[in-house]
């Protein structure tokens, strides 16, 4: 039995998918609401880590009141920032998702390769997030208006966040030749 024959509807479906690629991708990629909710969960995790680990450690080392030049560079602020960035870097590197994203069934995808490179992760989770936060978080709103729901940090790193249940479909759409 020959299984290489395509059903006549396959070409029609393929053509529809190709013609509606942009609209489909708006559904496949995680939008602002789910990403914001995941981020809130991540902030709760980071707050918990700081409360359980950082504060007692600073108290134990008698560094609660320590600061470099100005209060902004206090021991507490520096360690909190380190925990924040290390959390996002390690979770994205190891799992392609933070705990918040995992809860919502989301993961970070690369548009360059099948795997995220260290450079992409550093740009996305450090440089991109720092820039977005430095402007009061307003650049995060870009997620609501881009085709693949990319934030500024995603645009820097050529990444986005996809709904896991649609990753195989998106992979097929992205890899499909533009011949139809």
N, C-alpha and C. Protein backbone atom coordinates (compact mmCIF):
# COMPACT_ATOMS: atom_id res chain seq x y z
N UNK A 1 0.84 -1.18 0.00
CA UNK A 1 0.00 0.00 0.00
C UNK A 1 0.89 1.25 0.00
N UNK A 2 0.66 2.15 -0.92
CA UNK A 2 1.47 3.35 -1.06
C UNK A 2 0.94 4.44 -0.14
N UNK A 3 1.79 4.87 0.79
CA UNK A 3 1.36 5.90 1.75
C UNK A 3 1.88 7.28 1.37
N UNK A 4 2.56 7.39 0.21
CA UNK A 4 3.11 8.68 -0.18
C UNK A 4 2.10 9.57 -0.89
N UNK A 5 0.97 8.99 -1.33
CA UNK A 5 -0.05 9.80 -2.00
C UNK A 5 -0.69 10.75 -1.00
N UNK A 6 -0.81 12.01 -1.42
CA UNK A 6 -1.46 12.98 -0.57
C UNK A 6 -2.94 13.01 -0.89
N UNK A 7 -3.70 13.25 0.12
CA UNK A 7 -5.13 13.42 -0.04
C UNK A 7 -5.35 14.77 -0.72
N UNK A 8 -6.31 14.89 -1.64
CA UNK A 8 -6.54 16.16 -2.33
C UNK A 8 -6.78 17.33 -1.38
N UNK A 9 -7.36 17.06 -0.22
CA UNK A 9 -7.63 18.13 0.74
C UNK A 9 -6.36 18.62 1.44
N UNK A 10 -5.27 17.78 1.40
CA UNK A 10 -4.02 18.18 2.04
C UNK A 10 -3.43 19.42 1.37
N UNK A 11 -3.47 19.47 0.03
CA UNK A 11 -2.95 20.63 -0.69
C UNK A 11 -3.79 21.87 -0.37
N UNK A 12 -5.08 21.68 -0.31
CA UNK A 12 -5.97 22.80 -0.02
C UNK A 12 -5.73 23.31 1.40
N UNK A 13 -5.61 22.39 2.35
CA UNK A 13 -5.34 22.75 3.73
C UNK A 13 -3.97 23.44 3.84
N UNK A 14 -2.99 22.91 3.15
CA UNK A 14 -1.66 23.48 3.15
C UNK A 14 -1.69 24.91 2.61
N UNK A 15 -2.45 25.14 1.57
CA UNK A 15 -2.57 26.46 0.98
C UNK A 15 -3.25 27.43 1.95
N UNK A 16 -4.28 26.97 2.62
CA UNK A 16 -4.98 27.81 3.60
C UNK A 16 -4.04 28.18 4.75
N UNK A 17 -3.30 27.18 5.23
CA UNK A 17 -2.37 27.42 6.33
C UNK A 17 -1.32 28.44 5.90
N UNK A 18 -0.79 28.29 4.69
CA UNK A 18 0.22 29.21 4.20
C UNK A 18 -0.34 30.63 4.08
N UNK A 19 -1.54 30.75 3.55
CA UNK A 19 -2.15 32.07 3.35
C UNK A 19 -2.55 32.74 4.66
N UNK A 20 -2.81 31.96 5.68
CA UNK A 20 -3.23 32.48 6.98
C UNK A 20 -2.14 32.39 8.03
N UNK A 21 -0.90 32.25 7.59
CA UNK A 21 0.23 32.03 8.51
C UNK A 21 0.29 33.10 9.61
N UNK A 22 0.20 34.37 9.25
CA UNK A 22 0.29 35.44 10.25
C UNK A 22 -0.83 35.35 11.28
N UNK A 23 -2.05 35.09 10.81
CA UNK A 23 -3.18 34.98 11.73
C UNK A 23 -3.04 33.76 12.64
N UNK A 24 -2.58 32.65 12.07
CA UNK A 24 -2.37 31.45 12.88
C UNK A 24 -1.31 31.68 13.95
N UNK A 25 -0.24 32.37 13.57
CA UNK A 25 0.83 32.59 14.53
C UNK A 25 0.38 33.46 15.70
N UNK A 26 -0.55 34.35 15.47
CA UNK A 26 -1.08 35.13 16.59
C UNK A 26 -1.78 34.24 17.60
N UNK A 27 -2.31 33.11 17.15
CA UNK A 27 -2.96 32.16 18.06
C UNK A 27 -1.95 31.22 18.69
N UNK A 28 -0.89 30.86 17.96
CA UNK A 28 0.08 29.89 18.44
C UNK A 28 1.01 30.44 19.51
N UNK A 29 1.34 31.72 19.38
CA UNK A 29 2.26 32.33 20.32
C UNK A 29 1.50 32.89 21.51
N UNK A 30 2.15 32.87 22.67
CA UNK A 30 1.53 33.33 23.91
C UNK A 30 1.38 34.85 23.87
N UNK A 31 0.18 35.31 24.19
CA UNK A 31 -0.11 36.73 24.19
C UNK A 31 0.28 37.42 25.47
N UNK A 32 -0.04 38.69 25.53
CA UNK A 32 0.35 39.52 26.67
C UNK A 32 -0.22 39.01 27.99
N UNK A 33 -1.50 38.62 28.00
CA UNK A 33 -2.15 38.22 29.25
C UNK A 33 -1.51 37.01 29.91
N UNK A 34 -1.30 35.96 29.16
CA UNK A 34 -0.71 34.74 29.75
C UNK A 34 0.75 34.97 30.12
N UNK A 35 1.46 35.75 29.33
CA UNK A 35 2.86 36.04 29.65
C UNK A 35 2.95 36.92 30.89
N UNK A 36 2.05 37.87 31.04
CA UNK A 36 2.04 38.73 32.22
C UNK A 36 1.73 37.92 33.48
N UNK A 37 0.74 37.03 33.39
CA UNK A 37 0.39 36.19 34.54
C UNK A 37 1.57 35.29 34.92
N UNK A 38 2.26 34.74 33.92
CA UNK A 38 3.43 33.90 34.19
C UNK A 38 4.53 34.73 34.86
N UNK A 39 4.70 35.96 34.42
CA UNK A 39 5.72 36.85 34.99
C UNK A 39 5.40 37.16 36.45
N UNK A 40 4.13 37.37 36.77
CA UNK A 40 3.73 37.62 38.16
C UNK A 40 4.09 36.41 39.03
N UNK A 41 3.82 35.21 38.52
CA UNK A 41 4.18 33.99 39.26
C UNK A 41 5.69 33.94 39.46
N UNK A 42 6.45 34.27 38.42
CA UNK A 42 7.91 34.27 38.53
C UNK A 42 8.39 35.28 39.57
N UNK A 43 7.77 36.44 39.60
CA UNK A 43 8.14 37.44 40.61
C UNK A 43 7.85 36.93 42.02
N UNK A 44 6.76 36.18 42.18
CA UNK A 44 6.46 35.58 43.49
C UNK A 44 7.52 34.55 43.88
N UNK A 45 7.97 33.76 42.90
CA UNK A 45 9.02 32.77 43.17
C UNK A 45 10.31 33.49 43.58
N UNK A 46 10.67 34.55 42.84
CA UNK A 46 11.88 35.30 43.15
C UNK A 46 11.76 35.97 44.52
N UNK A 47 10.61 36.55 44.82
CA UNK A 47 10.39 37.15 46.13
C UNK A 47 10.57 36.10 47.23
N UNK A 48 10.03 34.90 46.99
CA UNK A 48 10.16 33.81 47.98
C UNK A 48 11.62 33.42 48.17
N UNK A 49 12.35 33.29 47.07
CA UNK A 49 13.78 32.96 47.18
C UNK A 49 14.53 34.02 47.96
N UNK A 50 14.23 35.27 47.68
CA UNK A 50 14.90 36.36 48.40
C UNK A 50 14.54 36.36 49.87
N UNK A 51 13.30 36.07 50.18
CA UNK A 51 12.85 36.05 51.57
C UNK A 51 13.47 34.88 52.34
N UNK A 52 13.55 33.73 51.69
CA UNK A 52 14.04 32.53 52.36
C UNK A 52 15.56 32.45 52.39
N UNK A 53 16.22 32.92 51.34
CA UNK A 53 17.67 32.75 51.23
C UNK A 53 18.43 34.06 51.45
N UNK A 54 18.12 35.07 50.66
CA UNK A 54 18.93 36.28 50.64
C UNK A 54 18.88 37.06 51.95
N UNK A 55 17.70 37.35 52.43
CA UNK A 55 17.58 38.16 53.66
C UNK A 55 18.26 37.49 54.86
N UNK A 56 18.00 36.20 55.11
CA UNK A 56 18.70 35.57 56.24
C UNK A 56 20.22 35.53 56.06
N UNK A 57 20.66 35.33 54.80
CA UNK A 57 22.10 35.29 54.54
C UNK A 57 22.74 36.66 54.79
N UNK A 58 22.09 37.71 54.34
CA UNK A 58 22.61 39.06 54.59
C UNK A 58 22.61 39.38 56.08
N UNK A 59 21.57 38.92 56.78
CA UNK A 59 21.49 39.13 58.23
C UNK A 59 22.61 38.36 58.93
N UNK A 60 22.85 37.13 58.49
CA UNK A 60 23.89 36.30 59.09
C UNK A 60 25.28 36.91 58.89
N UNK A 61 25.51 37.48 57.72
CA UNK A 61 26.80 38.09 57.41
C UNK A 61 26.90 39.55 57.85
N UNK A 62 25.84 40.03 58.51
CA UNK A 62 25.77 41.41 58.99
C UNK A 62 25.96 42.42 57.85
N UNK A 63 25.30 42.16 56.73
CA UNK A 63 25.39 43.03 55.56
C UNK A 63 24.05 43.66 55.21
N UNK A 64 23.11 43.63 56.14
CA UNK A 64 21.77 44.19 55.88
C UNK A 64 21.82 45.67 55.52
N UNK A 65 22.66 46.40 56.18
CA UNK A 65 22.73 47.84 55.96
C UNK A 65 23.87 48.24 55.02
N UNK A 66 24.60 47.27 54.50
CA UNK A 66 25.75 47.57 53.62
C UNK A 66 25.28 48.17 52.30
N UNK A 67 26.06 49.15 51.83
CA UNK A 67 25.74 49.76 50.54
C UNK A 67 27.01 50.30 49.91
N UNK A 68 27.01 50.39 48.60
CA UNK A 68 28.12 50.97 47.85
C UNK A 68 27.68 52.35 47.37
N UNK A 69 28.30 53.37 47.84
CA UNK A 69 28.07 54.77 47.45
C UNK A 69 26.67 55.28 47.74
N UNK A 70 25.65 54.68 47.17
CA UNK A 70 24.27 55.17 47.32
C UNK A 70 23.37 54.02 47.75
N UNK A 71 22.22 54.33 48.35
CA UNK A 71 21.30 53.28 48.81
C UNK A 71 20.86 52.32 47.69
N UNK A 72 20.84 52.80 46.45
CA UNK A 72 20.43 51.93 45.35
C UNK A 72 21.35 50.71 45.23
N UNK A 73 22.61 50.88 45.63
CA UNK A 73 23.57 49.78 45.57
C UNK A 73 23.75 49.11 46.92
N UNK A 74 22.65 48.86 47.59
CA UNK A 74 22.71 48.18 48.89
C UNK A 74 22.92 46.68 48.67
N UNK A 75 23.36 46.02 49.70
CA UNK A 75 23.54 44.57 49.63
C UNK A 75 22.25 43.86 49.24
N UNK A 76 21.14 44.33 49.80
CA UNK A 76 19.84 43.74 49.51
C UNK A 76 19.48 43.91 48.03
N UNK A 77 19.63 45.12 47.49
CA UNK A 77 19.28 45.37 46.09
C UNK A 77 20.17 44.58 45.12
N UNK A 78 21.45 44.51 45.44
CA UNK A 78 22.37 43.79 44.56
C UNK A 78 22.05 42.30 44.55
N UNK A 79 21.85 41.71 45.73
CA UNK A 79 21.56 40.27 45.76
C UNK A 79 20.19 39.96 45.16
N UNK A 80 19.22 40.84 45.36
CA UNK A 80 17.90 40.65 44.75
C UNK A 80 18.00 40.68 43.23
N UNK A 81 18.78 41.59 42.71
CA UNK A 81 18.97 41.67 41.25
C UNK A 81 19.67 40.44 40.71
N UNK A 82 20.66 39.98 41.43
CA UNK A 82 21.39 38.77 41.00
C UNK A 82 20.44 37.58 40.96
N UNK A 83 19.65 37.40 42.01
CA UNK A 83 18.68 36.31 42.05
C UNK A 83 17.71 36.42 40.88
N UNK A 84 17.21 37.62 40.60
CA UNK A 84 16.26 37.86 39.51
C UNK A 84 16.85 37.39 38.18
N UNK A 85 18.02 37.89 37.83
CA UNK A 85 18.59 37.56 36.53
C UNK A 85 19.05 36.11 36.43
N UNK A 86 19.64 35.58 37.51
CA UNK A 86 20.08 34.18 37.50
C UNK A 86 18.88 33.24 37.36
N UNK A 87 17.78 33.56 38.04
CA UNK A 87 16.57 32.75 37.92
C UNK A 87 16.11 32.66 36.47
N UNK A 88 15.96 33.79 35.81
CA UNK A 88 15.48 33.80 34.43
C UNK A 88 16.47 33.13 33.48
N UNK A 89 17.76 33.37 33.68
CA UNK A 89 18.77 32.77 32.80
C UNK A 89 18.79 31.25 32.96
N UNK A 90 18.89 30.77 34.19
CA UNK A 90 18.99 29.31 34.42
C UNK A 90 17.72 28.57 34.01
N UNK A 91 16.58 29.11 34.36
CA UNK A 91 15.32 28.43 34.01
C UNK A 91 15.14 28.37 32.49
N UNK A 92 15.46 29.45 31.81
CA UNK A 92 15.33 29.45 30.36
C UNK A 92 16.36 28.54 29.72
N UNK A 93 17.57 28.52 30.24
CA UNK A 93 18.63 27.65 29.71
C UNK A 93 18.28 26.18 29.90
N UNK A 94 17.87 25.82 31.08
CA UNK A 94 17.65 24.40 31.41
C UNK A 94 16.30 23.89 30.90
N UNK A 95 15.24 24.66 31.10
CA UNK A 95 13.89 24.17 30.80
C UNK A 95 13.19 24.88 29.63
N UNK A 96 13.80 25.94 29.09
CA UNK A 96 13.17 26.78 28.06
C UNK A 96 11.93 27.49 28.59
N UNK A 97 11.77 27.49 29.90
CA UNK A 97 10.61 28.13 30.52
C UNK A 97 10.89 28.35 32.00
N UNK A 98 10.32 29.41 32.53
CA UNK A 98 10.37 29.64 33.96
C UNK A 98 9.20 28.88 34.60
N UNK A 99 9.12 28.89 35.92
CA UNK A 99 8.01 28.19 36.58
C UNK A 99 6.66 28.78 36.16
N UNK A 100 6.59 30.09 36.03
CA UNK A 100 5.35 30.73 35.59
C UNK A 100 4.94 30.26 34.20
N UNK A 101 5.89 30.21 33.29
CA UNK A 101 5.59 29.74 31.93
C UNK A 101 5.18 28.27 31.95
N UNK A 102 5.85 27.47 32.77
CA UNK A 102 5.50 26.04 32.85
C UNK A 102 4.05 25.85 33.29
N UNK A 103 3.62 26.63 34.26
CA UNK A 103 2.25 26.53 34.77
C UNK A 103 1.25 26.80 33.66
N UNK A 104 1.56 27.76 32.79
CA UNK A 104 0.65 28.12 31.69
C UNK A 104 0.92 27.34 30.40
N UNK A 105 1.85 26.39 30.44
CA UNK A 105 2.14 25.58 29.25
C UNK A 105 2.80 26.37 28.14
N UNK A 106 3.75 27.22 28.51
CA UNK A 106 4.45 28.07 27.55
C UNK A 106 5.94 27.74 27.57
N UNK A 107 6.62 28.02 26.47
CA UNK A 107 8.07 27.89 26.46
C UNK A 107 8.68 28.87 25.46
N UNK A 108 9.94 29.17 25.68
CA UNK A 108 10.67 30.10 24.82
C UNK A 108 11.21 29.33 23.62
N UNK A 109 11.02 29.90 22.43
CA UNK A 109 11.53 29.29 21.20
C UNK A 109 12.45 30.27 20.49
N UNK A 110 13.39 29.70 19.76
CA UNK A 110 14.33 30.48 18.97
C UNK A 110 13.90 30.48 17.52
N UNK A 111 14.09 31.60 16.83
CA UNK A 111 13.81 31.66 15.41
C UNK A 111 15.05 31.39 14.58
N UNK A 112 16.23 31.30 15.23
CA UNK A 112 17.48 31.03 14.53
C UNK A 112 17.73 29.53 14.39
N UNK A 113 17.64 28.82 15.50
CA UNK A 113 17.94 27.39 15.56
C UNK A 113 16.83 26.68 16.31
N UNK A 114 16.96 25.36 16.39
CA UNK A 114 16.00 24.61 17.18
C UNK A 114 16.27 24.75 18.68
N UNK A 115 17.50 25.08 19.03
CA UNK A 115 17.83 25.26 20.44
C UNK A 115 18.19 26.72 20.70
N UNK A 116 18.00 27.14 21.92
CA UNK A 116 18.38 28.49 22.33
C UNK A 116 19.89 28.53 22.56
N UNK A 117 20.55 29.52 22.01
CA UNK A 117 21.99 29.67 22.25
C UNK A 117 22.20 30.45 23.54
N UNK A 118 23.41 30.33 24.09
CA UNK A 118 23.73 31.09 25.30
C UNK A 118 23.61 32.59 25.04
N UNK A 119 24.02 33.03 23.86
CA UNK A 119 23.92 34.44 23.51
C UNK A 119 22.47 34.92 23.50
N UNK A 120 21.58 34.10 22.92
CA UNK A 120 20.16 34.47 22.90
C UNK A 120 19.61 34.57 24.32
N UNK A 121 19.98 33.63 25.16
CA UNK A 121 19.48 33.62 26.53
C UNK A 121 19.98 34.84 27.30
N UNK A 122 21.27 35.16 27.15
CA UNK A 122 21.83 36.33 27.84
C UNK A 122 21.17 37.61 27.33
N UNK A 123 21.04 37.75 26.01
CA UNK A 123 20.41 38.95 25.46
C UNK A 123 18.96 39.06 25.91
N UNK A 124 18.24 37.94 25.87
CA UNK A 124 16.81 37.97 26.21
C UNK A 124 16.60 38.24 27.70
N UNK A 125 17.29 37.47 28.52
CA UNK A 125 17.00 37.48 29.95
C UNK A 125 17.76 38.54 30.74
N UNK A 126 18.85 39.05 30.21
CA UNK A 126 19.60 40.10 30.93
C UNK A 126 19.44 41.45 30.26
N UNK A 127 20.03 41.57 29.10
CA UNK A 127 20.07 42.87 28.44
C UNK A 127 18.67 43.34 28.06
N UNK A 128 17.90 42.48 27.42
CA UNK A 128 16.54 42.85 27.00
C UNK A 128 15.64 43.17 28.17
N UNK A 129 15.68 42.35 29.20
CA UNK A 129 14.84 42.60 30.39
C UNK A 129 15.27 43.87 31.10
N UNK A 130 16.58 44.08 31.20
CA UNK A 130 17.07 45.29 31.87
C UNK A 130 16.57 46.54 31.14
N UNK A 131 16.68 46.54 29.82
CA UNK A 131 16.21 47.68 29.04
C UNK A 131 14.70 47.87 29.22
N UNK A 132 13.96 46.77 29.16
CA UNK A 132 12.50 46.87 29.32
C UNK A 132 12.11 47.39 30.69
N UNK A 133 12.82 46.95 31.72
CA UNK A 133 12.49 47.39 33.07
C UNK A 133 12.95 48.82 33.33
N UNK A 134 14.03 49.25 32.66
CA UNK A 134 14.56 50.59 32.87
C UNK A 134 13.59 51.67 32.38
N UNK A 135 12.68 51.29 31.50
CA UNK A 135 11.70 52.23 30.97
C UNK A 135 10.33 51.91 31.57
N UNK A 136 10.33 51.59 32.87
CA UNK A 136 9.11 51.33 33.65
C UNK A 136 8.27 50.17 33.11
N UNK A 137 8.89 49.25 32.39
CA UNK A 137 8.18 48.08 31.89
C UNK A 137 7.31 48.33 30.67
N UNK A 138 7.29 49.55 30.19
CA UNK A 138 6.44 49.89 29.03
C UNK A 138 6.79 49.06 27.79
N UNK A 139 8.07 48.79 27.51
CA UNK A 139 8.38 47.97 26.32
C UNK A 139 7.76 46.57 26.34
N UNK A 140 7.38 46.08 27.51
CA UNK A 140 6.71 44.77 27.57
C UNK A 140 5.37 44.81 26.84
N UNK A 141 4.77 45.97 26.73
CA UNK A 141 3.48 46.10 26.05
C UNK A 141 3.57 45.80 24.56
N UNK A 142 4.77 45.84 24.01
CA UNK A 142 4.97 45.53 22.59
C UNK A 142 4.46 44.12 22.29
N UNK A 143 4.48 43.24 23.28
CA UNK A 143 4.00 41.86 23.11
C UNK A 143 2.58 41.85 22.54
N UNK A 144 1.75 42.76 22.95
CA UNK A 144 0.35 42.78 22.53
C UNK A 144 0.18 43.18 21.06
N UNK A 145 1.20 43.76 20.46
CA UNK A 145 1.01 44.33 19.13
C UNK A 145 1.88 43.71 18.02
N UNK A 146 2.76 42.79 18.34
CA UNK A 146 3.60 42.19 17.30
C UNK A 146 3.00 40.88 16.80
N UNK A 147 3.38 40.52 15.60
CA UNK A 147 2.81 39.34 14.93
C UNK A 147 2.99 38.06 15.74
N UNK A 148 4.17 37.87 16.27
CA UNK A 148 4.45 36.66 17.04
C UNK A 148 4.46 36.94 18.54
N UNK A 149 3.80 38.00 18.94
CA UNK A 149 3.73 38.41 20.35
C UNK A 149 5.12 38.49 20.98
N UNK A 150 6.03 39.17 20.30
CA UNK A 150 7.38 39.33 20.81
C UNK A 150 7.51 40.63 21.58
N UNK A 151 8.20 40.55 22.73
CA UNK A 151 8.55 41.75 23.47
C UNK A 151 9.87 42.28 22.95
N UNK A 152 10.28 43.42 23.45
CA UNK A 152 11.56 44.01 23.05
C UNK A 152 12.69 43.02 23.32
N UNK A 153 12.65 42.36 24.48
CA UNK A 153 13.70 41.39 24.81
C UNK A 153 13.69 40.21 23.84
N UNK A 154 12.52 39.83 23.32
CA UNK A 154 12.43 38.77 22.31
C UNK A 154 13.00 39.24 20.98
N UNK A 155 12.71 40.47 20.61
CA UNK A 155 13.21 41.02 19.35
C UNK A 155 14.73 41.08 19.35
N UNK A 156 15.32 41.47 20.49
CA UNK A 156 16.79 41.50 20.60
C UNK A 156 17.39 40.11 20.38
N UNK A 157 16.73 39.10 20.92
CA UNK A 157 17.30 37.74 20.92
C UNK A 157 16.76 36.86 19.81
N UNK A 158 15.83 37.35 19.00
CA UNK A 158 15.20 36.57 17.94
C UNK A 158 14.51 35.33 18.52
N UNK A 159 13.68 35.58 19.55
CA UNK A 159 12.93 34.53 20.24
C UNK A 159 11.48 34.97 20.40
N UNK A 160 10.66 34.06 20.90
CA UNK A 160 9.31 34.38 21.34
C UNK A 160 8.87 33.30 22.31
N UNK A 161 7.65 33.42 22.81
CA UNK A 161 7.10 32.43 23.74
C UNK A 161 5.90 31.80 23.06
N UNK A 162 5.91 30.48 22.98
CA UNK A 162 4.86 29.75 22.28
C UNK A 162 4.05 28.90 23.26
N UNK A 163 2.81 28.66 22.89
CA UNK A 163 1.98 27.73 23.66
C UNK A 163 2.47 26.33 23.29
N UNK A 164 2.85 25.54 24.29
CA UNK A 164 3.44 24.23 24.04
C UNK A 164 2.55 23.32 23.20
N UNK A 165 1.25 23.39 23.38
CA UNK A 165 0.35 22.50 22.65
C UNK A 165 0.36 22.77 21.15
N UNK A 166 0.89 23.93 20.73
CA UNK A 166 0.93 24.27 19.32
C UNK A 166 2.34 24.27 18.74
N UNK A 167 3.33 23.81 19.50
CA UNK A 167 4.71 23.91 19.03
C UNK A 167 4.97 23.07 17.78
N UNK A 168 4.38 21.89 17.71
CA UNK A 168 4.58 21.05 16.52
C UNK A 168 3.96 21.70 15.28
N UNK A 169 2.76 22.25 15.43
CA UNK A 169 2.11 22.94 14.31
C UNK A 169 2.93 24.15 13.88
N UNK A 170 3.43 24.91 14.83
CA UNK A 170 4.24 26.08 14.49
C UNK A 170 5.53 25.66 13.79
N UNK A 171 6.15 24.60 14.27
CA UNK A 171 7.37 24.09 13.64
C UNK A 171 7.10 23.75 12.18
N UNK A 172 5.97 23.13 11.90
CA UNK A 172 5.59 22.77 10.53
C UNK A 172 5.35 24.03 9.70
N UNK A 173 4.67 25.00 10.25
CA UNK A 173 4.41 26.25 9.53
C UNK A 173 5.70 27.00 9.24
N UNK A 174 6.57 27.08 10.22
CA UNK A 174 7.82 27.83 10.07
C UNK A 174 8.76 27.18 9.05
N UNK A 175 8.80 25.87 9.03
CA UNK A 175 9.75 25.15 8.17
C UNK A 175 9.21 24.91 6.76
N UNK A 176 7.95 25.20 6.54
CA UNK A 176 7.31 24.93 5.25
C UNK A 176 7.85 25.87 4.18
N UNK A 177 8.23 25.32 3.01
CA UNK A 177 8.72 26.18 1.93
C UNK A 177 7.62 27.12 1.44
N UNK A 178 8.02 28.28 0.96
CA UNK A 178 7.08 29.33 0.53
C UNK A 178 6.69 29.13 -0.94
N UNK A 179 6.35 27.91 -1.37
CA UNK A 179 6.09 27.66 -2.78
C UNK A 179 4.61 27.73 -3.13
N UNK A 180 3.74 27.65 -2.15
CA UNK A 180 2.30 27.62 -2.45
C UNK A 180 1.80 29.01 -2.76
